[in-house]
């Protein structure tokens, strides 16, 4: 990170020239590096060491964003002749920097969350899962929901609230993004696997498994060499008896127009591997009230005898 060089140079100049009392401001045109510094989270080794060095010398409010076209530090790297270089603003900086701080540009930037999170240390995304299990003796919080979509969205809003409380950047978007929903699902599946398979090795109930980058248990099927989706070749392992699994099956059942057992088994298998899947799906489908209504047999009654006035003169018709 080039920000480290700037901090080291600033620290050297202030110590050499005895300018420790003057205000200092730092600028960068990398939104990703800026949010790494402002959030100061559990980043990977390379980024984490440099962010800690920067935060140990500077304060978060000393860092600001400057657009690339207004950053004179990039002028030599873009290529120019010596004559052009001598006349460029590289020697004095941008014009607006000479004015008071309240006249400096203040831009609202939206960081690339995927790029920022790519440097997050593995295993830190399970912090919400650990907090949700803080009270094991009480009723499970997810049993308050009967719909899988509402369960995922609830967890997504909780994770966003925690992230906004921990970081300076506050996400005020009115809707959850696709990445947030997927992260919520992964956290939920990790919670289910942690409760159902607490001591899992390379196999669970005779099924070969392995952990992916998010820590989820995935089944090593016999078609891993097939040119197909990763989720189909390595489906997520789920238990047969769990409230979240029942909600997931019910969600697929309603989404696919009250599909039958065999159809649901094929659809769910594209992404998940449920232990004793056929039996589990059958038990969920049997509880569907609408399916019971349309598959119920009409009521039947035994025939009764005819009244006496209908059969008294029956011989006259012979």
C-alpha atoms as a PDB file:
ATOM      1  CA  UNK A   1       0.000   0.000   0.000  1.00  0.00           C
ATOM      2  CA  UNK A   2       1.398   3.382  -1.043  1.00  0.00           C
ATOM      3  CA  UNK A   3      -0.335   4.960   1.974  1.00  0.00           C
ATOM      4  CA  UNK A   4       2.307   3.405   4.230  1.00  0.00           C
ATOM      5  CA  UNK A   5       5.083   5.261   2.398  1.00  0.00           C
ATOM      6  CA  UNK A   6       3.244   8.545   2.828  1.00  0.00           C
ATOM      7  CA  UNK A   7       2.767   7.923   6.556  1.00  0.00           C
ATOM      8  CA  UNK A   8       6.415   6.995   7.007  1.00  0.00           C
ATOM      9  CA  UNK A   9       7.526  10.134   5.124  1.00  0.00           C
ATOM     10  CA  UNK A  10       5.210  12.311   7.211  1.00  0.00           C
ATOM     11  CA  UNK A  11       6.478  10.754  10.423  1.00  0.00           C
ATOM     12  CA  UNK A  12      10.109  11.257   9.367  1.00  0.00           C
ATOM     13  CA  UNK A  13       9.571  14.931   8.457  1.00  0.00           C
ATOM     14  CA  UNK A  14       7.696  15.782  11.645  1.00  0.00           C
ATOM     15  CA  UNK A  15      10.408  14.219  13.793  1.00  0.00           C
ATOM     16  CA  UNK A  16      13.296  15.739  11.836  1.00  0.00           C
ATOM     17  CA  UNK A  17      11.843  19.252  11.596  1.00  0.00           C
ATOM     18  CA  UNK A  18      10.148  19.131  15.030  1.00  0.00           C
ATOM     19  CA  UNK A  19       6.713  19.770  13.536  1.00  0.00           C
ATOM     20  CA  UNK A  20       4.695  17.445  15.724  1.00  0.00           C
ATOM     21  CA  UNK A  21       2.144  20.169  16.629  1.00  0.00           C
ATOM     22  CA  UNK A  22       1.063  21.085  13.113  1.00  0.00           C
ATOM     23  CA  UNK A  23      -2.129  19.524  11.647  1.00  0.00           C
ATOM     24  CA  UNK A  24      -1.591  16.732   9.166  1.00  0.00           C
ATOM     25  CA  UNK A  25      -3.878  15.521   6.374  1.00  0.00           C
ATOM     26  CA  UNK A  26      -3.532  12.423   4.229  1.00  0.00           C
ATOM     27  CA  UNK A  27      -5.107  11.841   0.823  1.00  0.00           C
ATOM     28  CA  UNK A  28      -5.507   8.724  -1.298  1.00  0.00           C
ATOM     29  CA  UNK A  29      -7.267   8.008  -4.571  1.00  0.00           C
ATOM     30  CA  UNK A  30      -7.906   4.364  -3.640  1.00  0.00           C
ATOM     31  CA  UNK A  31     -11.365   3.941  -2.126  1.00  0.00           C
ATOM     32  CA  UNK A  32     -10.520   0.375  -1.147  1.00  0.00           C
ATOM     33  CA  UNK A  33      -7.401   1.368   0.797  1.00  0.00           C
ATOM     34  CA  UNK A  34      -9.294   4.267   2.384  1.00  0.00           C
ATOM     35  CA  UNK A  35     -11.995   1.985   3.793  1.00  0.00           C
ATOM     36  CA  UNK A  36      -9.417  -0.553   4.909  1.00  0.00           C
ATOM     37  CA  UNK A  37      -7.924   2.219   7.041  1.00  0.00           C
ATOM     38  CA  UNK A  38     -11.220   3.677   8.257  1.00  0.00           C
ATOM     39  CA  UNK A  39     -12.689   0.316   9.275  1.00  0.00           C
ATOM     40  CA  UNK A  40      -9.441  -1.140  10.707  1.00  0.00           C
ATOM     41  CA  UNK A  41     -10.973  -4.608  10.741  1.00  0.00           C
ATOM     42  CA  UNK A  42      -9.404  -8.053  10.950  1.00  0.00           C
ATOM     43  CA  UNK A  43      -7.757  -7.962   7.517  1.00  0.00           C
ATOM     44  CA  UNK A  44      -5.329 -10.435   6.022  1.00  0.00           C
ATOM     45  CA  UNK A  45      -1.652 -10.492   6.939  1.00  0.00           C
ATOM     46  CA  UNK A  46      -0.377  -8.151   4.196  1.00  0.00           C
ATOM     47  CA  UNK A  47      -3.122  -5.529   4.463  1.00  0.00           C
ATOM     48  CA  UNK A  48      -3.607  -5.946   8.217  1.00  0.00           C
ATOM     49  CA  UNK A  49       0.038  -5.210   9.091  1.00  0.00           C
ATOM     50  CA  UNK A  50       0.067  -2.039   7.005  1.00  0.00           C
ATOM     51  CA  UNK A  51      -3.292  -0.814   8.266  1.00  0.00           C
ATOM     52  CA  UNK A  52      -2.143  -1.287  11.863  1.00  0.00           C
ATOM     53  CA  UNK A  53       1.025   0.676  11.130  1.00  0.00           C
ATOM     54  CA  UNK A  54      -0.985   3.489   9.571  1.00  0.00           C
ATOM     55  CA  UNK A  55      -3.533   3.614  12.409  1.00  0.00           C
ATOM     56  CA  UNK A  56      -0.799   3.606  15.045  1.00  0.00           C
ATOM     57  CA  UNK A  57       0.643   6.856  13.665  1.00  0.00           C
ATOM     58  CA  UNK A  58      -2.387   8.637  12.193  1.00  0.00           C
ATOM     59  CA  UNK A  59      -6.060   9.089  13.043  1.00  0.00           C
ATOM     60  CA  UNK A  60      -8.939   7.964  10.910  1.00  0.00           C
ATOM     61  CA  UNK A  61     -10.354  11.492  10.503  1.00  0.00           C
ATOM     62  CA  UNK A  62      -7.060  12.623   8.943  1.00  0.00           C
ATOM     63  CA  UNK A  63      -7.689  10.533   5.834  1.00  0.00           C
ATOM     64  CA  UNK A  64      -9.719  11.742   2.861  1.00  0.00           C
ATOM     65  CA  UNK A  65     -10.408  10.750  -0.701  1.00  0.00           C
ATOM     66  CA  UNK A  66      -9.072  12.587  -3.736  1.00  0.00           C
ATOM     67  CA  UNK A  67     -10.195  11.681  -7.296  1.00  0.00           C
ATOM     68  CA  UNK A  68      -7.579  10.236  -9.586  1.00  0.00           C
ATOM     69  CA  UNK A  69      -7.723  13.144 -12.028  1.00  0.00           C
ATOM     70  CA  UNK A  70      -7.029  15.569  -9.162  1.00  0.00           C
ATOM     71  CA  UNK A  71      -4.179  13.547  -7.712  1.00  0.00           C
ATOM     72  CA  UNK A  72      -0.859  15.093  -8.856  1.00  0.00           C
ATOM     73  CA  UNK A  73       1.122  12.198  -7.402  1.00  0.00           C
ATOM     74  CA  UNK A  74       0.096  10.051 -10.393  1.00  0.00           C
ATOM     75  CA  UNK A  75       1.397  12.495 -13.002  1.00  0.00           C
ATOM     76  CA  UNK A  76       4.927  11.006 -13.371  1.00  0.00           C
ATOM     77  CA  UNK A  77       3.576   7.470 -13.607  1.00  0.00           C
ATOM     78  CA  UNK A  78       1.221   8.460 -16.445  1.00  0.00           C
ATOM     79  CA  UNK A  79       4.120   9.479 -18.626  1.00  0.00           C
ATOM     80  CA  UNK A  80       5.284  12.973 -19.592  1.00  0.00           C
ATOM     81  CA  UNK A  81       8.351  14.763 -20.899  1.00  0.00           C
ATOM     82  CA  UNK A  82      10.798  16.523 -18.549  1.00  0.00           C
ATOM     83  CA  UNK A  83       9.563  19.913 -19.774  1.00  0.00           C
ATOM     84  CA  UNK A  84       5.959  19.002 -19.077  1.00  0.00           C
ATOM     85  CA  UNK A  85       6.903  17.572 -15.719  1.00  0.00           C
ATOM     86  CA  UNK A  86       8.590  20.809 -14.667  1.00  0.00           C
ATOM     87  CA  UNK A  87       5.382  22.752 -15.361  1.00  0.00           C
ATOM     88  CA  UNK A  88       2.956  20.319 -13.771  1.00  0.00           C
ATOM     89  CA  UNK A  89       1.226  20.691 -10.412  1.00  0.00           C
ATOM     90  CA  UNK A  90       3.262  17.803  -9.023  1.00  0.00           C
ATOM     91  CA  UNK A  91       5.549  20.318  -7.306  1.00  0.00           C
ATOM     92  CA  UNK A  92       2.819  22.311  -5.582  1.00  0.00           C
ATOM     93  CA  UNK A  93      -0.228  20.054  -5.465  1.00  0.00           C
ATOM     94  CA  UNK A  94      -3.782  20.889  -6.555  1.00  0.00           C
ATOM     95  CA  UNK A  95      -4.982  24.497  -6.384  1.00  0.00           C
ATOM     96  CA  UNK A  96      -7.841  23.776  -3.967  1.00  0.00           C
ATOM     97  CA  UNK A  97      -5.366  22.436  -1.397  1.00  0.00           C
ATOM     98  CA  UNK A  98      -4.126  25.996  -0.793  1.00  0.00           C
ATOM     99  CA  UNK A  99      -7.541  27.087   0.430  1.00  0.00           C
ATOM    100  CA  UNK A 100      -9.116  26.541   3.846  1.00  0.00           C
ATOM    101  CA  UNK A 101     -10.193  22.968   4.779  1.00  0.00           C
ATOM    102  CA  UNK A 102     -13.895  23.822   4.459  1.00  0.00           C
ATOM    103  CA  UNK A 103     -13.358  24.540   0.744  1.00  0.00           C
ATOM    104  CA  UNK A 104     -11.750  21.172   0.011  1.00  0.00           C
ATOM    105  CA  UNK A 105     -13.808  18.727  -2.046  1.00  0.00           C
ATOM    106  CA  UNK A 106     -16.011  16.400  -0.024  1.00  0.00           C
ATOM    107  CA  UNK A 107     -17.155  13.530  -2.176  1.00  0.00           C
ATOM    108  CA  UNK A 108     -19.566  10.753  -1.277  1.00  0.00           C
ATOM    109  CA  UNK A 109     -18.008   7.498  -2.375  1.00  0.00           C
ATOM    110  CA  UNK A 110     -19.460   4.021  -2.489  1.00  0.00           C
ATOM    111  CA  UNK A 111     -16.818   1.391  -1.855  1.00  0.00           C
ATOM    112  CA  UNK A 112     -16.586  -1.963  -3.588  1.00  0.00           C
ATOM    113  CA  UNK A 113     -17.663  -4.193  -0.692  1.00  0.00           C
ATOM    114  CA  UNK A 114     -16.636  -7.354  -2.515  1.00  0.00           C
ATOM    115  CA  UNK A 115     -13.094  -6.045  -3.040  1.00  0.00           C
ATOM    116  CA  UNK A 116     -12.858  -4.799   0.530  1.00  0.00           C
ATOM    117  CA  UNK A 117     -14.164  -8.040   2.030  1.00  0.00           C
ATOM    118  CA  UNK A 118     -11.741 -10.084  -0.076  1.00  0.00           C
ATOM    119  CA  UNK A 119      -8.966  -9.088   2.346  1.00  0.00           C
ATOM    120  CA  UNK A 120     -11.002  -9.986   5.422  1.00  0.00           C
ATOM    121  CA  UNK A 121      -9.355 -12.656   7.525  1.00  0.00           C
ATOM    122  CA  UNK A 122     -11.024 -16.033   7.135  1.00  0.00           C
ATOM    123  CA  UNK A 123     -13.272 -17.006   9.984  1.00  0.00           C
ATOM    124  CA  UNK A 124     -14.294 -13.479  11.006  1.00  0.00           C
ATOM    125  CA  UNK A 125     -17.579 -13.751   9.092  1.00  0.00           C
ATOM    126  CA  UNK A 126     -18.818 -16.199  11.721  1.00  0.00           C
ATOM    127  CA  UNK A 127     -18.816 -13.644  14.541  1.00  0.00           C
ATOM    128  CA  UNK A 128     -22.537 -13.044  14.153  1.00  0.00           C
ATOM    129  CA  UNK A 129     -23.149 -16.766  14.287  1.00  0.00           C
ATOM    130  CA  UNK A 130     -21.262 -17.060  17.579  1.00  0.00           C
ATOM    131  CA  UNK A 131     -23.218 -14.171  19.112  1.00  0.00           C
ATOM    132  CA  UNK A 132     -26.500 -15.714  18.038  1.00  0.00           C
ATOM    133  CA  UNK A 133     -25.627 -18.871  19.974  1.00  0.00           C
ATOM    134  CA  UNK A 134     -24.754 -16.997  23.168  1.00  0.00           C
ATOM    135  CA  UNK A 135     -27.835 -18.330  24.975  1.00  0.00           C
ATOM    136  CA  UNK A 136     -28.047 -22.071  24.200  1.00  0.00           C
ATOM    137  CA  UNK A 137     -30.586 -22.861  26.922  1.00  0.00           C
ATOM    138  CA  UNK A 138     -33.192 -20.458  25.549  1.00  0.00           C
ATOM    139  CA  UNK A 139     -35.495 -21.080  22.612  1.00  0.00           C
ATOM    140  CA  UNK A 140     -33.747 -20.781  19.261  1.00  0.00           C
ATOM    141  CA  UNK A 141     -34.320 -17.394  17.645  1.00  0.00           C
ATOM    142  CA  UNK A 142     -34.858 -18.842  14.169  1.00  0.00           C
ATOM    143  CA  UNK A 143     -37.886 -20.819  15.345  1.00  0.00           C
ATOM    144  CA  UNK A 144     -39.823 -17.569  15.424  1.00  0.00           C
ATOM    145  CA  UNK A 145     -39.911 -17.683  11.606  1.00  0.00           C
ATOM    146  CA  UNK A 146     -41.775 -20.101   9.375  1.00  0.00           C
ATOM    147  CA  UNK A 147     -40.597 -18.685   6.025  1.00  0.00           C
ATOM    148  CA  UNK A 148     -37.039 -19.129   4.853  1.00  0.00           C
ATOM    149  CA  UNK A 149     -36.977 -15.807   2.954  1.00  0.00           C
ATOM    150  CA  UNK A 150     -38.031 -13.807   6.011  1.00  0.00           C
ATOM    151  CA  UNK A 151     -35.442 -15.641   8.089  1.00  0.00           C
ATOM    152  CA  UNK A 152     -32.651 -14.775   5.641  1.00  0.00           C
ATOM    153  CA  UNK A 153     -33.721 -11.130   5.346  1.00  0.00           C
ATOM    154  CA  UNK A 154     -33.971 -10.743   9.119  1.00  0.00           C
ATOM    155  CA  UNK A 155     -30.431 -12.053   9.564  1.00  0.00           C
ATOM    156  CA  UNK A 156     -29.247  -9.820   6.711  1.00  0.00           C
ATOM    157  CA  UNK A 157     -30.591  -6.678   8.408  1.00  0.00           C
ATOM    158  CA  UNK A 158     -29.033  -7.738  11.722  1.00  0.00           C
ATOM    159  CA  UNK A 159     -25.635  -8.222  10.076  1.00  0.00           C
ATOM    160  CA  UNK A 160     -25.896  -4.824   8.361  1.00  0.00           C
ATOM    161  CA  UNK A 161     -26.780  -3.164  11.680  1.00  0.00           C
ATOM    162  CA  UNK A 162     -23.745  -4.749  13.357  1.00  0.00           C
ATOM    163  CA  UNK A 163     -21.510  -3.749  10.461  1.00  0.00           C
ATOM    164  CA  UNK A 164     -22.773  -0.151  10.560  1.00  0.00           C
ATOM    165  CA  UNK A 165     -22.116   0.035  14.308  1.00  0.00           C
ATOM    166  CA  UNK A 166     -18.560  -1.242  13.916  1.00  0.00           C
ATOM    167  CA  UNK A 167     -17.529   0.890  10.925  1.00  0.00           C
ATOM    168  CA  UNK A 168     -17.592   4.549  10.056  1.00  0.00           C
ATOM    169  CA  UNK A 169     -19.260   3.880   6.726  1.00  0.00           C
ATOM    170  CA  UNK A 170     -23.010   3.505   7.226  1.00  0.00           C
ATOM    171  CA  UNK A 171     -24.947   1.597   4.605  1.00  0.00           C
ATOM    172  CA  UNK A 172     -28.306   3.364   4.224  1.00  0.00           C
ATOM    173  CA  UNK A 173     -29.563   1.500   1.176  1.00  0.00           C
ATOM    174  CA  UNK A 174     -33.302   0.726   1.489  1.00  0.00           C
ATOM    175  CA  UNK A 175     -32.872  -2.841   0.259  1.00  0.00           C
ATOM    176  CA  UNK A 176     -30.477  -5.670   0.965  1.00  0.00           C
ATOM    177  CA  UNK A 177     -28.011  -6.355  -1.814  1.00  0.00           C
ATOM    178  CA  UNK A 178     -27.452  -9.731  -3.411  1.00  0.00           C
ATOM    179  CA  UNK A 179     -24.121 -10.098  -1.616  1.00  0.00           C
ATOM    180  CA  UNK A 180     -25.732  -9.330   1.743  1.00  0.00           C
ATOM    181  CA  UNK A 181     -28.451 -11.926   1.178  1.00  0.00           C
ATOM    182  CA  UNK A 182     -25.897 -14.535   0.122  1.00  0.00           C
ATOM    183  CA  UNK A 183     -23.755 -13.749   3.159  1.00  0.00           C
ATOM    184  CA  UNK A 184     -26.830 -14.109   5.355  1.00  0.00           C
ATOM    185  CA  UNK A 185     -27.580 -17.518   3.835  1.00  0.00           C
ATOM    186  CA  UNK A 186     -24.010 -18.682   4.356  1.00  0.00           C
ATOM    187  CA  UNK A 187     -24.108 -17.588   7.997  1.00  0.00           C
ATOM    188  CA  UNK A 188     -27.426 -19.376   8.489  1.00  0.00           C
ATOM    189  CA  UNK A 189     -26.153 -22.603   6.933  1.00  0.00           C
ATOM    190  CA  UNK A 190     -23.001 -22.384   9.068  1.00  0.00           C
ATOM    191  CA  UNK A 191     -25.232 -22.073  12.126  1.00  0.00           C
ATOM    192  CA  UNK A 192     -27.244 -25.151  11.099  1.00  0.00           C
ATOM    193  CA  UNK A 193     -24.113 -27.200  10.436  1.00  0.00           C
ATOM    194  CA  UNK A 194     -22.546 -26.087  13.699  1.00  0.00           C
ATOM    195  CA  UNK A 195     -25.572 -27.296  15.645  1.00  0.00           C
ATOM    196  CA  UNK A 196     -26.026 -30.562  13.720  1.00  0.00           C
ATOM    197  CA  UNK A 197     -22.403 -31.574  13.023  1.00  0.00           C
ATOM    198  CA  UNK A 198     -20.367 -30.151  15.928  1.00  0.00           C
ATOM    199  CA  UNK A 199     -17.457 -32.582  15.530  1.00  0.00           C
ATOM    200  CA  UNK A 200     -17.208 -33.189  11.812  1.00  0.00           C
ATOM    201  CA  UNK A 201     -14.062 -34.468  10.175  1.00  0.00           C
ATOM    202  CA  UNK A 202     -13.667 -35.673   6.619  1.00  0.00           C
ATOM    203  CA  UNK A 203     -16.950 -37.577   6.731  1.00  0.00           C
ATOM    204  CA  UNK A 204     -20.422 -37.141   8.240  1.00  0.00           C
ATOM    205  CA  UNK A 205     -22.629 -40.216   8.535  1.00  0.00           C
ATOM    206  CA  UNK A 206     -20.424 -41.972   5.986  1.00  0.00           C
ATOM    207  CA  UNK A 207     -20.585 -39.015   3.537  1.00  0.00           C
ATOM    208  CA  UNK A 208     -17.268 -37.535   2.399  1.00  0.00           C
ATOM    209  CA  UNK A 209     -17.196 -33.784   3.011  1.00  0.00           C
ATOM    210  CA  UNK A 210     -14.815 -30.860   2.813  1.00  0.00           C
ATOM    211  CA  UNK A 211     -14.968 -27.218   3.888  1.00  0.00           C
ATOM    212  CA  UNK A 212     -15.059 -24.400   1.377  1.00  0.00           C
ATOM    213  CA  UNK A 213     -13.555 -20.930   1.780  1.00  0.00           C
ATOM    214  CA  UNK A 214     -16.512 -19.790   3.901  1.00  0.00           C
ATOM    215  CA  UNK A 215     -16.195 -22.756   6.249  1.00  0.00           C
ATOM    216  CA  UNK A 216     -19.310 -24.553   4.967  1.00  0.00           C
ATOM    217  CA  UNK A 217     -19.368 -28.340   4.788  1.00  0.00           C
ATOM    218  CA  UNK A 218     -19.843 -29.511   1.205  1.00  0.00           C
ATOM    219  CA  UNK A 219     -20.321 -33.062  -0.012  1.00  0.00           C
ATOM    220  CA  UNK A 220     -17.682 -34.549  -2.289  1.00  0.00           C
ATOM    221  CA  UNK A 221     -19.945 -36.224  -4.821  1.00  0.00           C
ATOM    222  CA  UNK A 222     -18.925 -38.678  -7.514  1.00  0.00           C
ATOM    223  CA  UNK A 223     -19.411 -36.051 -10.230  1.00  0.00           C
ATOM    224  CA  UNK A 224     -16.824 -33.528  -9.074  1.00  0.00           C
ATOM    225  CA  UNK A 225     -14.988 -33.906 -12.402  1.00  0.00           C
ATOM    226  CA  UNK A 226     -18.131 -32.928 -14.296  1.00  0.00           C
ATOM    227  CA  UNK A 227     -18.143 -29.592 -16.127  1.00  0.00           C
ATOM    228  CA  UNK A 228     -21.006 -28.128 -14.116  1.00  0.00           C
ATOM    229  CA  UNK A 229     -21.792 -25.604 -11.383  1.00  0.00           C
ATOM    230  CA  UNK A 230     -19.708 -25.765  -8.232  1.00  0.00           C
ATOM    231  CA  UNK A 231     -22.814 -25.968  -6.039  1.00  0.00           C
ATOM    232  CA  UNK A 232     -24.064 -28.987  -7.998  1.00  0.00           C
ATOM    233  CA  UNK A 233     -20.742 -30.830  -7.783  1.00  0.00           C
ATOM    234  CA  UNK A 234     -20.165 -29.843  -4.146  1.00  0.00           C
ATOM    235  CA  UNK A 235     -23.632 -29.366  -2.561  1.00  0.00           C
ATOM    236  CA  UNK A 236     -24.022 -27.931   0.932  1.00  0.00           C
ATOM    237  CA  UNK A 237     -24.599 -30.616   3.562  1.00  0.00           C
ATOM    238  CA  UNK A 238     -27.735 -30.147   5.682  1.00  0.00           C
ATOM    239  CA  UNK A 239     -29.257 -32.330   8.423  1.00  0.00           C
ATOM    240  CA  UNK A 240     -32.594 -34.093   8.115  1.00  0.00           C
ATOM    241  CA  UNK A 241     -34.172 -32.728  11.294  1.00  0.00           C
ATOM    242  CA  UNK A 242     -33.825 -28.992  11.664  1.00  0.00           C
ATOM    243  CA  UNK A 243     -36.275 -26.086  11.618  1.00  0.00           C
ATOM    244  CA  UNK A 244     -34.267 -24.133   9.043  1.00  0.00           C
ATOM    245  CA  UNK A 245     -34.163 -27.148   6.707  1.00  0.00           C
ATOM    246  CA  UNK A 246     -37.943 -27.517   6.966  1.00  0.00           C
ATOM    247  CA  UNK A 247     -38.364 -23.834   6.114  1.00  0.00           C
ATOM    248  CA  UNK A 248     -36.034 -24.253   3.137  1.00  0.00           C
ATOM    249  CA  UNK A 249     -37.979 -27.235   1.774  1.00  0.00           C
ATOM    250  CA  UNK A 250     -41.284 -25.424   2.296  1.00  0.00           C
ATOM    251  CA  UNK A 251     -39.884 -22.425   0.405  1.00  0.00           C
ATOM    252  CA  UNK A 252     -38.971 -24.565  -2.612  1.00  0.00           C
ATOM    253  CA  UNK A 253     -42.315 -26.365  -2.399  1.00  0.00           C
ATOM    254  CA  UNK A 254     -44.294 -23.117  -2.658  1.00  0.00           C
ATOM    255  CA  UNK A 255     -41.929 -21.520  -5.160  1.00  0.00           C
ATOM    256  CA  UNK A 256     -42.377 -24.378  -7.628  1.00  0.00           C
ATOM    257  CA  UNK A 257     -46.179 -24.468  -7.470  1.00  0.00           C
ATOM    258  CA  UNK A 258     -46.518 -27.145  -4.780  1.00  0.00           C
ATOM    259  CA  UNK A 259     -44.175 -29.554  -6.536  1.00  0.00           C
ATOM    260  CA  UNK A 260     -44.198 -33.204  -5.534  1.00  0.00           C
ATOM    261  CA  UNK A 261     -41.610 -35.141  -3.616  1.00  0.00           C
ATOM    262  CA  UNK A 262     -39.614 -36.376  -6.601  1.00  0.00           C
ATOM    263  CA  UNK A 263     -39.542 -32.949  -8.250  1.00  0.00           C
ATOM    264  CA  UNK A 264     -38.470 -31.229  -5.035  1.00  0.00           C
ATOM    265  CA  UNK A 265     -35.781 -33.832  -4.495  1.00  0.00           C
ATOM    266  CA  UNK A 266     -34.285 -33.080  -7.911  1.00  0.00           C
ATOM    267  CA  UNK A 267     -34.503 -29.292  -7.525  1.00  0.00           C
ATOM    268  CA  UNK A 268     -33.023 -29.126  -4.032  1.00  0.00           C
ATOM    269  CA  UNK A 269     -30.246 -31.543  -4.982  1.00  0.00           C
ATOM    270  CA  UNK A 270     -28.872 -28.899  -7.396  1.00  0.00           C
ATOM    271  CA  UNK A 271     -27.546 -26.931  -4.415  1.00  0.00           C
ATOM    272  CA  UNK A 272     -28.060 -28.896  -1.194  1.00  0.00           C
ATOM    273  CA  UNK A 273     -27.482 -32.418   0.071  1.00  0.00           C
ATOM    274  CA  UNK A 274     -30.010 -33.185   2.801  1.00  0.00           C
ATOM    275  CA  UNK A 275     -29.453 -36.349   4.815  1.00  0.00           C
ATOM    276  CA  UNK A 276     -32.425 -38.709   4.291  1.00  0.00           C
ATOM    277  CA  UNK A 277     -33.775 -36.150   1.854  1.00  0.00           C
ATOM    278  CA  UNK A 278     -36.751 -38.114   0.524  1.00  0.00           C
ATOM    279  CA  UNK A 279     -38.127 -38.833   3.979  1.00  0.00           C
ATOM    280  CA  UNK A 280     -37.554 -35.247   5.126  1.00  0.00           C
ATOM    281  CA  UNK A 281     -39.227 -33.762   2.049  1.00  0.00           C
ATOM    282  CA  UNK A 282     -42.174 -36.127   2.378  1.00  0.00           C
ATOM    283  CA  UNK A 283     -42.741 -35.086   5.998  1.00  0.00           C
ATOM    284  CA  UNK A 284     -42.767 -31.386   5.012  1.00  0.00           C
ATOM    285  CA  UNK A 285     -45.032 -31.833   1.993  1.00  0.00           C
ATOM    286  CA  UNK A 286     -47.561 -33.809   4.050  1.00  0.00           C
ATOM    287  CA  UNK A 287     -48.054 -30.772   6.259  1.00  0.00           C
ATOM    288  CA  UNK A 288     -49.029 -28.512   3.344  1.00  0.00           C
ATOM    289  CA  UNK A 289     -52.694 -27.561   3.901  1.00  0.00           C
ATOM    290  CA  UNK A 290     -53.340 -26.630   0.282  1.00  0.00           C
ATOM    291  CA  UNK A 291     -51.969 -29.916  -1.009  1.00  0.00           C
ATOM    292  CA  UNK A 292     -54.168 -31.778   1.462  1.00  0.00           C
ATOM    293  CA  UNK A 293     -57.181 -29.871   0.237  1.00  0.00           C
ATOM    294  CA  UNK A 294     -56.669 -30.716  -3.443  1.00  0.00           C
ATOM    295  CA  UNK A 295     -55.574 -34.316  -2.934  1.00  0.00           C
ATOM    296  CA  UNK A 296     -58.252 -35.227  -0.406  1.00  0.00           C
ATOM    297  CA  UNK A 297     -60.723 -37.935  -1.447  1.00  0.00           C
ATOM    298  CA  UNK A 298     -64.423 -37.015  -1.601  1.00  0.00           C
ATOM    299  CA  UNK A 299     -66.496 -38.272   1.347  1.00  0.00           C
ATOM    300  CA  UNK A 300     -68.435 -41.498   0.760  1.00  0.00           C
ATOM    301  CA  UNK A 301     -71.464 -42.915   2.610  1.00  0.00           C
ATOM    302  CA  UNK A 302     -73.008 -46.349   2.697  1.00  0.00           C
ATOM    303  CA  UNK A 303     -76.280 -46.730   0.697  1.00  0.00           C
ATOM    304  CA  UNK A 304     -79.448 -46.908   2.786  1.00  0.00           C
ATOM    305  CA  UNK A 305     -82.594 -49.006   2.177  1.00  0.00           C
ATOM    306  CA  UNK A 306     -85.540 -47.626   0.232  1.00  0.00           C
ATOM    307  CA  UNK A 307     -88.635 -46.482   2.173  1.00  0.00           C
ATOM    308  CA  UNK A 308     -91.688 -48.800   2.427  1.00  0.00           C
ATOM    309  CA  UNK A 309     -93.941 -46.809   0.056  1.00  0.00           C
ATOM    310  CA  UNK A 310     -91.321 -47.177  -2.645  1.00  0.00           C
ATOM    311  CA  UNK A 311     -91.221 -50.963  -2.501  1.00  0.00           C
ATOM    312  CA  UNK A 312     -94.798 -51.926  -1.306  1.00  0.00           C
ATOM    313  CA  UNK A 313     -96.316 -52.262  -4.800  1.00  0.00           C
ATOM    314  CA  UNK A 314     -93.149 -53.244  -6.598  1.00  0.00           C
ATOM    315  CA  UNK A 315     -94.804 -56.478  -7.906  1.00  0.00           C
ATOM    316  CA  UNK A 316     -97.222 -54.490 -10.130  1.00  0.00           C
ATOM    317  CA  UNK A 317     -94.368 -53.467 -12.335  1.00  0.00           C
ATOM    318  CA  UNK A 318     -93.477 -56.993 -13.264  1.00  0.00           C
END
